[in-house]
Amino acid sequence: MTSRLIAPISGVLVWLCCALPGYPQIKGKILDDASGVPVAGATVIAAEAPKAFSPTGPTIQRATSQSDGTYSFDGLPLGSYHLCVHHPGDYLDPCQWPQGSLKSVSPGGPPVDIRLQKGARLCVRVYDPEDLASQVSKSGPVPLVPVNALITADAAVLRPLLPVQTGERQYEYCSLAPPDTDFTLTVSSAAFLLADNDGTAIDEKGWSTQLRLVLPVEKAPSDGRPIVRPPFAPTGPPARVIVVKLRGVAGGVR
């Protein structure tokens, strides 16, 4: 049984060859990168690299890491697989943010352990005090105000901030980003004229700023209990919040 690296990619790439029936073809642990502590409840996705002229399409399977961080895939067809990891907490998906080193395994061979890095949370909060969003929708207020928020870490990494919370005339776009990394946040809208938190008009081409996020400092509980970090949700403490306001409807938009 042999294994070989196919090509550099973001995340983990695994080449499967000479699989034996009943063997867990890919297995390992999901671990916290800083502490080495097992990470439970992570969704591990094994996605087969596309094959030319494949009549069935790529194989995609999901597994969940257990309390000890272990995960396992069985019965995968031979081929190469990208391993992505999504966690409902504050860990970065290695397929979305390149990190760590690539690994390869043979079926039933050494485990593929994946170490997850914690991300810092960034939010763009959009206020619509005059309910302008309803003016660009034929059927009433739009569910999510069309504001584009994009973070750029380098030429190869472009990530939109995803809407995770809406309230009355308030919209929020959030994402996790690697800490201690320089990147650019760009906020723009084709439908609305924008202003910053002080009411100063933002150019119609949008607004950009360079940021460098850090993780919030964790304080150990006084009674010796383990630290429990809040999940990636609006209740979690963001590392940075950028506030913009809708000040008008862009010309020609109805």
C-alpha atoms as a PDB file:
ATOM      1  CA  MET A   1       0.000   0.000   0.000  1.00  0.00           C
ATOM      2  CA  THR A   2       1.393   3.372  -0.947  1.00  0.00           C
ATOM      3  CA  SER A   3       0.333   6.965  -0.790  1.00  0.00           C
ATOM      4  CA  ARG A   4       1.450  10.070  -2.616  1.00  0.00           C
ATOM      5  CA  LEU A   5       0.698  13.768  -2.498  1.00  0.00           C
ATOM      6  CA  ILE A   6      -1.272  14.907  -5.515  1.00  0.00           C
ATOM      7  CA  ALA A   7      -0.986  18.733  -5.512  1.00  0.00           C
ATOM      8  CA  PRO A   8      -0.740  21.701  -3.133  1.00  0.00           C
ATOM      9  CA  ILE A   9      -4.204  22.805  -2.001  1.00  0.00           C
ATOM     10  CA  SER A  10      -5.865  24.572   0.867  1.00  0.00           C
ATOM     11  CA  GLY A  11      -6.755  22.127   3.622  1.00  0.00           C
ATOM     12  CA  VAL A  12      -5.835  18.464   3.496  1.00  0.00           C
ATOM     13  CA  LEU A  13      -5.493  16.245   0.431  1.00  0.00           C
ATOM     14  CA  VAL A  14      -5.527  12.465   0.800  1.00  0.00           C
ATOM     15  CA  TRP A  15      -4.701   9.856  -1.869  1.00  0.00           C
ATOM     16  CA  LEU A  16      -6.356   6.469  -1.401  1.00  0.00           C
ATOM     17  CA  CYS A  17      -4.906   3.403  -3.050  1.00  0.00           C
ATOM     18  CA  CYS A  18      -5.271  -0.333  -2.662  1.00  0.00           C
ATOM     19  CA  ALA A  19      -8.131  -0.094  -0.146  1.00  0.00           C
ATOM     20  CA  LEU A  20      -8.966  -3.232   1.790  1.00  0.00           C
ATOM     21  CA  PRO A  21     -12.601  -4.117   2.569  1.00  0.00           C
ATOM     22  CA  GLY A  22     -13.704  -3.062   6.043  1.00  0.00           C
ATOM     23  CA  TYR A  23     -10.755  -0.759   6.640  1.00  0.00           C
ATOM     24  CA  PRO A  24     -11.442   2.808   7.769  1.00  0.00           C
ATOM     25  CA  GLN A  25      -9.967   4.449   4.693  1.00  0.00           C
ATOM     26  CA  ILE A  26      -9.553   7.831   6.358  1.00  0.00           C
ATOM     27  CA  LYS A  27      -9.449   8.292  10.113  1.00  0.00           C
ATOM     28  CA  GLY A  28      -7.830  10.563  12.628  1.00  0.00           C
ATOM     29  CA  LYS A  29      -8.472  13.276  15.201  1.00  0.00           C
ATOM     30  CA  ILE A  30      -9.578  16.877  15.138  1.00  0.00           C
ATOM     31  CA  LEU A  31      -7.434  18.877  17.554  1.00  0.00           C
ATOM     32  CA  ASP A  32      -7.109  22.439  18.798  1.00  0.00           C
ATOM     33  CA  ASP A  33      -3.959  23.788  17.169  1.00  0.00           C
ATOM     34  CA  ALA A  34      -2.741  25.741  20.185  1.00  0.00           C
ATOM     35  CA  SER A  35      -3.461  23.275  23.007  1.00  0.00           C
ATOM     36  CA  GLY A  36      -3.735  19.910  21.241  1.00  0.00           C
ATOM     37  CA  VAL A  37      -7.054  19.304  23.029  1.00  0.00           C
ATOM     38  CA  PRO A  38      -9.539  17.146  21.041  1.00  0.00           C
ATOM     39  CA  VAL A  39     -12.335  19.074  19.312  1.00  0.00           C
ATOM     40  CA  ALA A  40     -15.734  17.359  19.430  1.00  0.00           C
ATOM     41  CA  GLY A  41     -18.745  18.087  17.246  1.00  0.00           C
ATOM     42  CA  ALA A  42     -16.795  19.147  14.164  1.00  0.00           C
ATOM     43  CA  THR A  43     -18.206  18.164  10.776  1.00  0.00           C
ATOM     44  CA  VAL A  44     -15.479  16.599   8.642  1.00  0.00           C
ATOM     45  CA  ILE A  45     -16.226  16.563   4.913  1.00  0.00           C
ATOM     46  CA  ALA A  46     -14.334  14.231   2.570  1.00  0.00           C
ATOM     47  CA  ALA A  47     -14.812  15.509  -0.978  1.00  0.00           C
ATOM     48  CA  GLU A  48     -13.349  13.517  -3.850  1.00  0.00           C
ATOM     49  CA  ALA A  49     -11.289  15.501  -6.335  1.00  0.00           C
ATOM     50  CA  PRO A  50     -13.231  15.772  -9.628  1.00  0.00           C
ATOM     51  CA  LYS A  51     -12.405  13.157 -12.257  1.00  0.00           C
ATOM     52  CA  ALA A  52     -12.505  13.741 -15.992  1.00  0.00           C
ATOM     53  CA  PHE A  53     -15.437  12.024 -17.724  1.00  0.00           C
ATOM     54  CA  SER A  54     -16.831  10.637 -14.459  1.00  0.00           C
ATOM     55  CA  PRO A  55     -20.441   9.471 -15.026  1.00  0.00           C
ATOM     56  CA  THR A  56     -21.382   9.610 -11.324  1.00  0.00           C
ATOM     57  CA  GLY A  57     -19.681  12.762 -10.095  1.00  0.00           C
ATOM     58  CA  PRO A  58     -17.368  13.086  -7.071  1.00  0.00           C
ATOM     59  CA  THR A  59     -18.023  11.236  -3.815  1.00  0.00           C
ATOM     60  CA  ILE A  60     -18.782  13.414  -0.785  1.00  0.00           C
ATOM     61  CA  GLN A  61     -19.154  12.008   2.717  1.00  0.00           C
ATOM     62  CA  ARG A  62     -19.524  13.598   6.145  1.00  0.00           C
ATOM     63  CA  ALA A  63     -18.427  12.468   9.574  1.00  0.00           C
ATOM     64  CA  THR A  64     -18.621  14.057  13.032  1.00  0.00           C
ATOM     65  CA  SER A  65     -15.737  14.164  15.461  1.00  0.00           C
ATOM     66  CA  GLN A  66     -16.452  12.400  18.743  1.00  0.00           C
ATOM     67  CA  SER A  67     -15.741  13.484  22.313  1.00  0.00           C
ATOM     68  CA  ASP A  68     -12.114  12.365  21.926  1.00  0.00           C
ATOM     69  CA  GLY A  69     -11.803  14.202  18.602  1.00  0.00           C
ATOM     70  CA  THR A  70     -11.785  11.038  16.477  1.00  0.00           C
ATOM     71  CA  TYR A  71     -13.489  10.771  13.088  1.00  0.00           C
ATOM     72  CA  SER A  72     -13.606   7.988  10.491  1.00  0.00           C
ATOM     73  CA  PHE A  73     -14.737   7.394   6.909  1.00  0.00           C
ATOM     74  CA  ASP A  74     -15.464   3.900   5.607  1.00  0.00           C
ATOM     75  CA  GLY A  75     -16.136   2.575   2.128  1.00  0.00           C
ATOM     76  CA  LEU A  76     -14.796   5.493   0.121  1.00  0.00           C
ATOM     77  CA  PRO A  77     -14.016   4.754  -3.548  1.00  0.00           C
ATOM     78  CA  LEU A  78     -10.364   4.922  -4.546  1.00  0.00           C
ATOM     79  CA  GLY A  79      -9.209   8.425  -5.354  1.00  0.00           C
ATOM     80  CA  SER A  80      -7.914  11.656  -3.850  1.00  0.00           C
ATOM     81  CA  TYR A  81      -9.955  13.553  -1.272  1.00  0.00           C
ATOM     82  CA  HIS A  82     -10.025  17.066   0.162  1.00  0.00           C
ATOM     83  CA  LEU A  83     -10.775  17.132   3.885  1.00  0.00           C
ATOM     84  CA  CYS A  84     -12.635  20.199   5.110  1.00  0.00           C
ATOM     85  CA  VAL A  85     -13.719  20.785   8.698  1.00  0.00           C
ATOM     86  CA  HIS A  86     -16.629  22.947   9.826  1.00  0.00           C
ATOM     87  CA  HIS A  87     -17.155  23.665  13.507  1.00  0.00           C
ATOM     88  CA  PRO A  88     -20.105  25.635  14.929  1.00  0.00           C
ATOM     89  CA  GLY A  89     -17.718  27.339  17.333  1.00  0.00           C
ATOM     90  CA  ASP A  90     -14.824  29.663  16.597  1.00  0.00           C
ATOM     91  CA  TYR A  91     -12.513  27.456  14.537  1.00  0.00           C
ATOM     92  CA  LEU A  92     -11.419  28.259  10.981  1.00  0.00           C
ATOM     93  CA  ASP A  93     -12.181  25.776   8.205  1.00  0.00           C
ATOM     94  CA  PRO A  94      -8.786  24.781   6.726  1.00  0.00           C
ATOM     95  CA  CYS A  95     -10.367  24.720   3.264  1.00  0.00           C
ATOM     96  CA  GLN A  96     -11.477  28.333   3.568  1.00  0.00           C
ATOM     97  CA  TRP A  97      -8.316  29.675   5.168  1.00  0.00           C
ATOM     98  CA  PRO A  98      -5.050  27.966   4.154  1.00  0.00           C
ATOM     99  CA  GLN A  99      -3.186  26.813   7.227  1.00  0.00           C
ATOM    100  CA  GLY A 100      -0.959  24.008   8.400  1.00  0.00           C
ATOM    101  CA  SER A 101       0.798  21.410   6.245  1.00  0.00           C
ATOM    102  CA  LEU A 102      -0.579  18.866   3.796  1.00  0.00           C
ATOM    103  CA  LYS A 103      -0.725  15.201   4.732  1.00  0.00           C
ATOM    104  CA  SER A 104      -1.222  11.923   2.882  1.00  0.00           C
ATOM    105  CA  VAL A 105      -2.144   8.469   4.139  1.00  0.00           C
ATOM    106  CA  SER A 106      -2.526   4.903   2.992  1.00  0.00           C
ATOM    107  CA  PRO A 107      -5.795   3.031   3.704  1.00  0.00           C
ATOM    108  CA  GLY A 108      -5.710   1.662   7.216  1.00  0.00           C
ATOM    109  CA  GLY A 109      -2.403   3.434   7.784  1.00  0.00           C
ATOM    110  CA  PRO A 110      -1.415   6.331  10.038  1.00  0.00           C
ATOM    111  CA  PRO A 111      -4.281   8.598  11.148  1.00  0.00           C
ATOM    112  CA  VAL A 112      -4.806  11.988   9.526  1.00  0.00           C
ATOM    113  CA  ASP A 113      -4.925  14.411  12.442  1.00  0.00           C
ATOM    114  CA  ILE A 114      -6.185  17.898  11.594  1.00  0.00           C
ATOM    115  CA  ARG A 115      -5.342  20.814  13.870  1.00  0.00           C
ATOM    116  CA  LEU A 116      -7.825  23.676  13.820  1.00  0.00           C
ATOM    117  CA  GLN A 117      -6.866  27.282  14.416  1.00  0.00           C
ATOM    118  CA  LYS A 118      -9.201  29.610  16.297  1.00  0.00           C
ATOM    119  CA  GLY A 119     -10.402  32.627  14.382  1.00  0.00           C
ATOM    120  CA  ALA A 120     -11.183  36.189  15.389  1.00  0.00           C
ATOM    121  CA  ARG A 121     -14.709  37.383  14.659  1.00  0.00           C
ATOM    122  CA  LEU A 122     -15.345  40.418  12.469  1.00  0.00           C
ATOM    123  CA  CYS A 123     -18.784  41.989  11.942  1.00  0.00           C
ATOM    124  CA  VAL A 124     -20.127  44.746   9.726  1.00  0.00           C
ATOM    125  CA  ARG A 125     -23.300  46.127  11.301  1.00  0.00           C
ATOM    126  CA  VAL A 126     -25.635  47.956   8.948  1.00  0.00           C
ATOM    127  CA  TYR A 127     -28.278  50.355  10.266  1.00  0.00           C
ATOM    128  CA  ASP A 128     -31.263  51.411   8.165  1.00  0.00           C
ATOM    129  CA  PRO A 129     -32.949  54.119  10.290  1.00  0.00           C
ATOM    130  CA  GLU A 130     -35.223  55.304   7.461  1.00  0.00           C
ATOM    131  CA  ASP A 131     -36.220  51.797   6.343  1.00  0.00           C
ATOM    132  CA  LEU A 132     -34.712  52.367   2.908  1.00  0.00           C
ATOM    133  CA  ALA A 133     -34.475  48.635   2.277  1.00  0.00           C
ATOM    134  CA  SER A 134     -38.215  48.481   1.694  1.00  0.00           C
ATOM    135  CA  GLN A 135     -37.869  50.986  -1.160  1.00  0.00           C
ATOM    136  CA  VAL A 136     -35.832  48.627  -3.340  1.00  0.00           C
ATOM    137  CA  SER A 137     -38.144  45.648  -2.973  1.00  0.00           C
ATOM    138  CA  LYS A 138     -41.380  45.180  -4.921  1.00  0.00           C
ATOM    139  CA  SER A 139     -42.849  42.965  -2.214  1.00  0.00           C
ATOM    140  CA  GLY A 140     -41.888  44.881   0.907  1.00  0.00           C
ATOM    141  CA  PRO A 141     -38.736  44.915   3.031  1.00  0.00           C
ATOM    142  CA  VAL A 142     -35.938  42.732   1.741  1.00  0.00           C
ATOM    143  CA  PRO A 143     -34.840  40.012   4.205  1.00  0.00           C
ATOM    144  CA  LEU A 144     -31.161  40.951   3.934  1.00  0.00           C
ATOM    145  CA  VAL A 145     -29.966  44.368   2.906  1.00  0.00           C
ATOM    146  CA  PRO A 146     -27.761  44.100  -0.222  1.00  0.00           C
ATOM    147  CA  VAL A 147     -24.487  45.374   1.175  1.00  0.00           C
ATOM    148  CA  ASN A 148     -21.288  43.681   0.069  1.00  0.00           C
ATOM    149  CA  ALA A 149     -18.655  43.085   2.744  1.00  0.00           C
ATOM    150  CA  LEU A 150     -15.496  41.319   1.585  1.00  0.00           C
ATOM    151  CA  ILE A 151     -12.239  40.517   3.352  1.00  0.00           C
ATOM    152  CA  THR A 152      -9.064  39.987   1.355  1.00  0.00           C
ATOM    153  CA  ALA A 153      -6.124  38.308   3.062  1.00  0.00           C
ATOM    154  CA  ASP A 154      -3.956  37.973  -0.043  1.00  0.00           C
ATOM    155  CA  ALA A 155      -4.428  37.561  -3.775  1.00  0.00           C
ATOM    156  CA  ALA A 156      -5.639  33.976  -3.295  1.00  0.00           C
ATOM    157  CA  VAL A 157      -8.045  34.454  -0.381  1.00  0.00           C
ATOM    158  CA  LEU A 158     -11.260  36.436  -0.848  1.00  0.00           C
ATOM    159  CA  ARG A 159     -14.025  35.824   1.679  1.00  0.00           C
ATOM    160  CA  PRO A 160     -17.440  37.501   1.876  1.00  0.00           C
ATOM    161  CA  LEU A 161     -18.852  38.229   5.312  1.00  0.00           C
ATOM    162  CA  LEU A 162     -22.019  36.203   5.719  1.00  0.00           C
ATOM    163  CA  PRO A 163     -25.274  37.529   7.211  1.00  0.00           C
ATOM    164  CA  VAL A 164     -25.860  35.893  10.579  1.00  0.00           C
ATOM    165  CA  GLN A 165     -28.328  38.231  12.227  1.00  0.00           C
ATOM    166  CA  THR A 166     -31.085  40.616  11.240  1.00  0.00           C
ATOM    167  CA  GLY A 167     -33.194  42.828  13.425  1.00  0.00           C
ATOM    168  CA  GLU A 168     -35.652  45.629  12.854  1.00  0.00           C
ATOM    169  CA  ARG A 169     -33.836  47.978  10.444  1.00  0.00           C
ATOM    170  CA  GLN A 170     -30.546  46.409  11.456  1.00  0.00           C
ATOM    171  CA  TYR A 171     -28.439  43.907   9.548  1.00  0.00           C
ATOM    172  CA  GLU A 172     -25.236  42.171  10.498  1.00  0.00           C
ATOM    173  CA  TYR A 173     -22.623  40.430   8.388  1.00  0.00           C
ATOM    174  CA  CYS A 174     -19.996  38.393  10.244  1.00  0.00           C
ATOM    175  CA  SER A 175     -17.121  36.048   9.565  1.00  0.00           C
ATOM    176  CA  LEU A 176     -14.181  34.446  11.283  1.00  0.00           C
ATOM    177  CA  ALA A 177     -10.725  35.469  10.111  1.00  0.00           C
ATOM    178  CA  PRO A 178      -7.223  34.350  11.073  1.00  0.00           C
ATOM    179  CA  PRO A 179      -5.839  36.404  13.962  1.00  0.00           C
ATOM    180  CA  ASP A 180      -2.597  38.345  13.611  1.00  0.00           C
ATOM    181  CA  THR A 181      -3.049  38.475   9.845  1.00  0.00           C
ATOM    182  CA  ASP A 182      -3.185  41.637   7.747  1.00  0.00           C
ATOM    183  CA  PHE A 183      -6.183  41.841   5.454  1.00  0.00           C
ATOM    184  CA  THR A 184      -8.440  44.412   3.828  1.00  0.00           C
ATOM    185  CA  LEU A 185     -12.141  44.886   4.534  1.00  0.00           C
ATOM    186  CA  THR A 186     -14.202  46.385   1.699  1.00  0.00           C
ATOM    187  CA  VAL A 187     -17.800  47.525   2.165  1.00  0.00           C
ATOM    188  CA  SER A 188     -19.919  48.637  -0.786  1.00  0.00           C
ATOM    189  CA  SER A 189     -23.466  48.566  -2.141  1.00  0.00           C
ATOM    190  CA  ALA A 190     -24.932  48.819  -5.625  1.00  0.00           C
ATOM    191  CA  ALA A 191     -28.387  49.556  -4.193  1.00  0.00           C
ATOM    192  CA  PHE A 192     -27.725  52.076  -1.420  1.00  0.00           C
ATOM    193  CA  LEU A 193     -25.688  55.129  -0.574  1.00  0.00           C
ATOM    194  CA  LEU A 194     -23.696  54.506   2.597  1.00  0.00           C
ATOM    195  CA  ALA A 195     -22.359  56.510   5.511  1.00  0.00           C
ATOM    196  CA  ASP A 196     -20.024  55.643   8.347  1.00  0.00           C
ATOM    197  CA  ASN A 197     -20.995  55.568  12.011  1.00  0.00           C
ATOM    198  CA  ASP A 198     -20.508  59.343  12.280  1.00  0.00           C
ATOM    199  CA  GLY A 199     -22.783  60.010   9.310  1.00  0.00           C
ATOM    200  CA  THR A 200     -19.970  60.899   6.909  1.00  0.00           C
ATOM    201  CA  ALA A 201     -20.829  59.884   3.356  1.00  0.00           C
ATOM    202  CA  ILE A 202     -19.000  56.892   1.893  1.00  0.00           C
ATOM    203  CA  ASP A 203     -17.973  57.099  -1.737  1.00  0.00           C
ATOM    204  CA  GLU A 204     -20.246  55.214  -4.129  1.00  0.00           C
ATOM    205  CA  LYS A 205     -17.344  52.928  -5.054  1.00  0.00           C
ATOM    206  CA  GLY A 206     -17.289  51.690  -1.474  1.00  0.00           C
ATOM    207  CA  TRP A 207     -14.996  51.950   1.497  1.00  0.00           C
ATOM    208  CA  SER A 208     -11.907  49.940   2.413  1.00  0.00           C
ATOM    209  CA  THR A 209      -9.697  49.685   5.452  1.00  0.00           C
ATOM    210  CA  GLN A 210      -6.802  47.515   6.516  1.00  0.00           C
ATOM    211  CA  LEU A 211      -7.313  45.458   9.656  1.00  0.00           C
ATOM    212  CA  ARG A 212      -5.389  43.115  11.892  1.00  0.00           C
ATOM    213  CA  LEU A 213      -7.523  41.135  14.344  1.00  0.00           C
ATOM    214  CA  VAL A 214      -6.506  39.550  17.624  1.00  0.00           C
ATOM    215  CA  LEU A 215      -8.289  36.948  19.691  1.00  0.00           C
ATOM    216  CA  PRO A 216     -10.068  38.119  22.848  1.00  0.00           C
ATOM    217  CA  VAL A 217      -8.134  37.375  26.025  1.00  0.00           C
ATOM    218  CA  GLU A 218      -9.544  34.368  27.846  1.00  0.00           C
ATOM    219  CA  LYS A 219      -9.649  34.407  31.619  1.00  0.00           C
ATOM    220  CA  ALA A 220      -9.722  31.091  33.419  1.00  0.00           C
ATOM    221  CA  PRO A 221     -12.714  30.653  35.768  1.00  0.00           C
ATOM    222  CA  SER A 222     -11.799  31.172  39.425  1.00  0.00           C
ATOM    223  CA  ASP A 223     -13.228  27.781  40.423  1.00  0.00           C
ATOM    224  CA  GLY A 224     -10.874  25.870  38.129  1.00  0.00           C
ATOM    225  CA  ARG A 225     -13.487  24.837  35.564  1.00  0.00           C
ATOM    226  CA  PRO A 226     -12.358  24.592  31.924  1.00  0.00           C
ATOM    227  CA  ILE A 227     -12.858  27.635  29.714  1.00  0.00           C
ATOM    228  CA  VAL A 228     -16.005  27.391  27.595  1.00  0.00           C
ATOM    229  CA  ARG A 229     -15.960  29.717  24.611  1.00  0.00           C
ATOM    230  CA  PRO A 230     -19.290  30.855  23.138  1.00  0.00           C
ATOM    231  CA  PRO A 231     -20.205  29.509  19.701  1.00  0.00           C
ATOM    232  CA  PHE A 232     -19.834  31.507  16.516  1.00  0.00           C
ATOM    233  CA  ALA A 233     -23.157  33.300  16.836  1.00  0.00           C
ATOM    234  CA  PRO A 234     -24.392  36.849  17.408  1.00  0.00           C
ATOM    235  CA  THR A 235     -24.036  36.265  21.159  1.00  0.00           C
ATOM    236  CA  GLY A 236     -20.319  35.594  20.792  1.00  0.00           C
ATOM    237  CA  PRO A 237     -17.916  38.500  21.453  1.00  0.00           C
ATOM    238  CA  PRO A 238     -16.681  39.932  18.145  1.00  0.00           C
ATOM    239  CA  ALA A 239     -13.082  40.990  17.856  1.00  0.00           C
ATOM    240  CA  ARG A 240     -14.108  44.008  15.767  1.00  0.00           C
ATOM    241  CA  VAL A 241     -17.377  45.652  14.720  1.00  0.00           C
ATOM    242  CA  ILE A 242     -17.589  48.065  11.785  1.00  0.00           C
ATOM    243  CA  VAL A 243     -20.752  50.175  11.638  1.00  0.00           C
ATOM    244  CA  VAL A 244     -22.248  51.674   8.458  1.00  0.00           C
ATOM    245  CA  LYS A 245     -25.600  53.337   7.790  1.00  0.00           C
ATOM    246  CA  LEU A 246     -27.871  53.536   4.778  1.00  0.00           C
ATOM    247  CA  ARG A 247     -28.240  57.199   3.812  1.00  0.00           C
ATOM    248  CA  GLY A 248     -30.094  56.904   0.530  1.00  0.00           C
ATOM    249  CA  VAL A 249     -31.098  54.759  -2.426  1.00  0.00           C
ATOM    250  CA  ALA A 250     -28.618  54.611  -5.278  1.00  0.00           C
ATOM    251  CA  GLY A 251     -29.733  56.202  -8.521  1.00  0.00           C
ATOM    252  CA  GLY A 252     -31.771  53.980 -10.822  1.00  0.00           C
ATOM    253  CA  VAL A 253     -32.539  51.370  -8.154  1.00  0.00           C
ATOM    254  CA  ARG A 254     -36.223  50.726  -7.405  1.00  0.00           C
END
